[in-house]
Amino acid sequence: MDDILVVMQELTDSELVKKYIGGEDQALNQLIERYFRQIFLFAKTYVKSDQEAEDVTQEVFVKLWKNVKKYNPEKKFKTWLFQITKNTCIDFLRKRKDMLPAESLEEEQMLATLESITDKSPLPEELLDAEGFSRELEKTLNTLPKIQSQTVTLHLQQDLNFQEIAEVLNEPLNTVKSRYRRALLAIRQTLGKKPT
């Protein structure tokens, strides 16, 4: 079993999708484990509260489970998943006050599976930024306009390139680049560093 897990961890996202569609349930679990924290952190740029970000993250993976057969392997899986996350966040914010319970037993079963493979402990603040100045960066990101904060999060923390960010946010490439430059300038000024 451990050997299968090691092999799964070494597969690309597209290979895992193919394996899941081919009937290997463990492949979907591997994708969820691979992206759970990244999706959580991106969702938090929309909803701010940890609990709401967890709710959105759970919903994103239910949507992944339902729609994985629609994934186009010619596109980057990570970009596709972040587009789902953005849309889920927008939907969540629209219906926040009247959230509906899971609509089917299948969805409830998927949520139970998700809960069994994700830890319940709160995410430590340092996860937001692997380099160490996470709290200051998070505070600074929270002061930026939401769209700038999302652009920085997608580029620095989720490792998407500007073209992928443009696809996720459905924005022109040059708009994304200039927004990122403005956000970096604001971050440097706030953190007391001179722009280079």
Protein backbone atom coordinates (compact mmCIF):
# COMPACT_ATOMS: atom_id res chain seq x y z
CA MET A 1 0.00 0.00 0.00
CA ASP A 2 2.84 2.40 0.88
CA ASP A 3 4.50 1.59 -2.46
CA ILE A 4 1.29 2.54 -4.30
CA LEU A 5 1.17 5.84 -2.36
CA VAL A 6 4.79 6.66 -3.26
CA VAL A 7 4.11 5.91 -6.93
CA MET A 8 0.95 8.10 -6.83
CA GLN A 9 2.92 10.98 -5.30
CA GLU A 10 5.37 10.88 -8.21
CA LEU A 11 2.68 11.06 -10.91
CA THR A 12 1.77 14.31 -12.66
CA ASP A 13 -1.65 15.85 -12.11
CA SER A 14 -2.83 14.71 -15.56
CA GLU A 15 -1.65 11.15 -14.90
CA LEU A 16 -3.56 11.12 -11.61
CA VAL A 17 -6.72 12.35 -13.36
CA LYS A 18 -6.38 9.52 -15.94
CA LYS A 19 -5.90 6.96 -13.18
CA TYR A 20 -8.94 8.23 -11.28
CA ILE A 21 -11.11 8.15 -14.40
CA GLY A 22 -9.78 4.64 -14.97
CA GLY A 23 -11.16 3.56 -11.59
CA GLU A 24 -8.32 4.20 -9.11
CA ASP A 25 -9.98 6.18 -6.30
CA GLN A 26 -6.65 6.73 -4.53
CA ALA A 27 -5.58 8.99 -7.43
CA LEU A 28 -8.29 11.56 -6.55
CA ASN A 29 -7.26 11.43 -2.90
CA GLN A 30 -3.69 12.20 -3.98
CA LEU A 31 -4.84 15.24 -6.00
CA ILE A 32 -6.83 16.50 -3.02
CA GLU A 33 -3.88 16.07 -0.68
CA ARG A 34 -1.60 17.78 -3.19
CA TYR A 35 -3.80 20.88 -3.55
CA PHE A 36 -5.82 21.17 -0.33
CA ARG A 37 -3.65 23.81 1.37
CA GLN A 38 -3.06 25.80 -1.80
CA ILE A 39 -6.78 25.98 -2.53
CA PHE A 40 -7.49 26.91 1.11
CA LEU A 41 -5.01 29.80 0.97
CA PHE A 42 -6.35 31.07 -2.35
CA ALA A 43 -9.96 30.84 -1.10
CA LYS A 44 -8.93 32.87 1.93
CA THR A 45 -8.04 35.80 -0.33
CA TYR A 46 -11.76 35.99 -1.12
CA VAL A 47 -13.48 35.09 2.14
CA LYS A 48 -10.86 35.98 4.81
CA SER A 49 -12.25 33.68 7.54
CA ASP A 50 -10.58 30.28 8.01
CA GLN A 51 -13.93 28.52 8.48
CA GLU A 52 -15.38 29.98 5.28
CA ALA A 53 -12.17 29.16 3.40
CA GLU A 54 -12.44 25.55 4.62
CA ASP A 55 -16.08 25.42 3.48
CA VAL A 56 -15.14 26.75 0.05
CA THR A 57 -12.21 24.33 -0.20
CA GLN A 58 -14.47 21.38 0.57
CA GLU A 59 -16.91 22.57 -2.07
CA VAL A 60 -14.13 22.96 -4.65
CA PHE A 61 -13.11 19.33 -4.21
CA VAL A 62 -16.72 18.15 -4.43
CA LYS A 63 -16.89 20.03 -7.76
CA LEU A 64 -13.60 18.45 -8.82
CA TRP A 65 -14.98 15.01 -8.00
CA LYS A 66 -18.17 15.70 -10.00
CA ASN A 67 -16.47 17.35 -13.00
CA VAL A 68 -13.09 15.65 -13.30
CA LYS A 69 -14.18 13.87 -16.48
CA LYS A 70 -14.66 17.29 -18.11
CA TYR A 71 -11.03 18.25 -17.48
CA ASN A 72 -9.15 18.90 -20.73
CA PRO A 73 -5.69 17.28 -20.37
CA GLU A 74 -4.27 19.78 -22.86
CA LYS A 75 -4.70 22.48 -20.21
CA LYS A 76 -2.74 22.71 -16.98
CA PHE A 77 -4.69 20.98 -14.18
CA LYS A 78 -3.62 23.50 -11.55
CA THR A 79 -4.96 26.43 -13.59
CA TRP A 80 -8.26 24.59 -14.15
CA LEU A 81 -8.57 23.85 -10.42
CA PHE A 82 -7.88 27.47 -9.48
CA GLN A 83 -10.56 28.62 -11.95
CA ILE A 84 -13.02 26.31 -10.18
CA THR A 85 -11.90 27.81 -6.87
CA LYS A 86 -12.39 31.39 -8.05
CA ASN A 87 -15.90 30.59 -9.33
CA THR A 88 -16.76 28.72 -6.13
CA CYS A 89 -15.62 31.69 -4.02
CA ILE A 90 -17.76 34.07 -6.05
CA ASP A 91 -20.78 31.75 -5.73
CA PHE A 92 -20.12 31.37 -2.00
CA LEU A 93 -20.05 35.14 -1.47
CA ARG A 94 -23.29 35.54 -3.44
CA LYS A 95 -25.22 33.03 -1.35
CA ARG A 96 -23.36 33.31 1.96
CA LYS A 97 -26.48 34.09 3.98
CA ASP A 98 -28.52 31.17 2.70
CA MET A 99 -26.03 28.35 2.23
CA LEU A 100 -27.84 25.13 1.38
CA PRO A 101 -26.92 21.75 2.84
CA ALA A 102 -25.44 19.07 0.58
CA GLU A 103 -28.04 18.17 -2.02
CA SER A 104 -27.42 14.48 -2.30
CA LEU A 105 -26.15 11.47 -0.40
CA GLU A 106 -23.30 11.23 -2.93
CA GLU A 107 -22.13 14.74 -2.02
CA GLU A 108 -22.33 13.91 1.68
CA GLN A 109 -20.24 10.79 1.06
CA MET A 110 -17.65 12.85 -0.82
CA LEU A 111 -17.50 15.39 2.02
CA ALA A 112 -16.98 12.55 4.49
CA THR A 113 -14.11 11.25 2.35
CA LEU A 114 -12.57 14.73 2.19
CA GLU A 115 -12.80 15.13 5.94
CA SER A 116 -11.12 11.78 6.48
CA ILE A 117 -8.05 12.71 4.43
CA THR A 118 -7.62 16.32 5.55
CA ASP A 119 -6.44 17.27 8.98
CA LYS A 120 -8.75 19.22 11.26
CA SER A 121 -6.07 21.29 12.97
CA PRO A 122 -5.97 24.96 12.00
CA LEU A 123 -3.42 25.87 9.39
CA PRO A 124 -0.41 27.58 10.98
CA GLU A 125 0.03 31.18 9.93
CA GLU A 126 3.48 30.51 8.54
CA LEU A 127 1.91 28.38 5.80
CA LEU A 128 0.83 31.54 4.04
CA ASP A 129 4.44 32.25 3.21
CA ALA A 130 7.18 29.65 3.31
CA GLU A 131 9.97 32.20 3.69
CA GLY A 132 9.17 33.31 7.20
CA PHE A 133 7.69 36.81 7.26
CA SER A 134 4.20 35.39 6.87
CA ARG A 135 2.31 37.46 9.42
CA GLU A 136 3.58 40.77 8.11
CA LEU A 137 2.96 39.67 4.53
CA GLU A 138 -0.55 38.46 5.35
CA LYS A 139 -1.37 41.76 7.07
CA THR A 140 -0.03 43.65 4.09
CA LEU A 141 -1.94 41.49 1.60
CA ASN A 142 -5.13 42.18 3.57
CA THR A 143 -4.62 45.94 3.11
CA LEU A 144 -4.28 45.65 -0.68
CA PRO A 145 -7.27 45.72 -3.02
CA LYS A 146 -8.60 42.17 -3.22
CA ILE A 147 -7.64 41.67 -6.87
CA GLN A 148 -4.02 42.68 -6.16
CA SER A 149 -3.88 40.35 -3.17
CA GLN A 150 -5.19 37.47 -5.28
CA THR A 151 -2.64 38.13 -8.02
CA VAL A 152 0.26 38.09 -5.53
CA THR A 153 -1.07 34.94 -3.84
CA LEU A 154 -1.42 33.10 -7.15
CA HIS A 155 2.07 34.08 -8.31
CA LEU A 156 4.22 33.90 -5.19
CA GLN A 157 2.43 31.30 -3.14
CA GLN A 158 0.73 29.11 -5.73
CA ASP A 159 3.54 29.37 -8.28
CA LEU A 160 1.31 30.20 -11.25
CA ASN A 161 2.90 32.21 -14.06
CA PHE A 162 1.27 35.43 -15.28
CA GLN A 163 -0.41 33.75 -18.25
CA GLU A 164 -2.00 31.16 -15.93
CA ILE A 165 -3.12 33.90 -13.53
CA ALA A 166 -4.69 35.76 -16.46
CA GLU A 167 -6.63 32.58 -17.32
CA VAL A 168 -7.74 31.99 -13.71
CA LEU A 169 -8.90 35.59 -13.22
CA ASN A 170 -10.13 35.98 -16.81
CA GLU A 171 -8.06 39.14 -17.27
CA PRO A 172 -5.66 40.38 -19.98
CA LEU A 173 -2.04 39.37 -19.41
CA ASN A 174 -0.74 42.98 -19.28
CA THR A 175 -3.37 43.89 -16.69
CA VAL A 176 -2.19 41.03 -14.48
CA LYS A 177 1.47 42.05 -14.84
CA SER A 178 0.87 45.72 -14.04
CA ARG A 179 -1.40 44.83 -11.10
CA TYR A 180 1.32 42.54 -9.75
CA ARG A 181 3.96 45.29 -10.05
CA ARG A 182 1.70 47.77 -8.20
CA ALA A 183 1.03 45.19 -5.49
CA LEU A 184 4.76 44.46 -5.04
CA LEU A 185 5.51 48.17 -4.77
CA ALA A 186 2.83 48.54 -2.08
CA ILE A 187 4.15 45.50 -0.20
CA ARG A 188 7.73 46.77 -0.29
CA GLN A 189 6.67 50.19 0.96
CA THR A 190 4.54 48.74 3.73
CA LEU A 191 7.27 46.36 4.85
CA GLY A 192 9.73 49.25 4.86
CA LYS A 193 11.83 48.12 1.92
CA LYS A 194 12.82 50.38 -0.93
CA PRO A 195 11.62 49.18 -4.32
CA THR A 196 14.43 47.95 -6.53
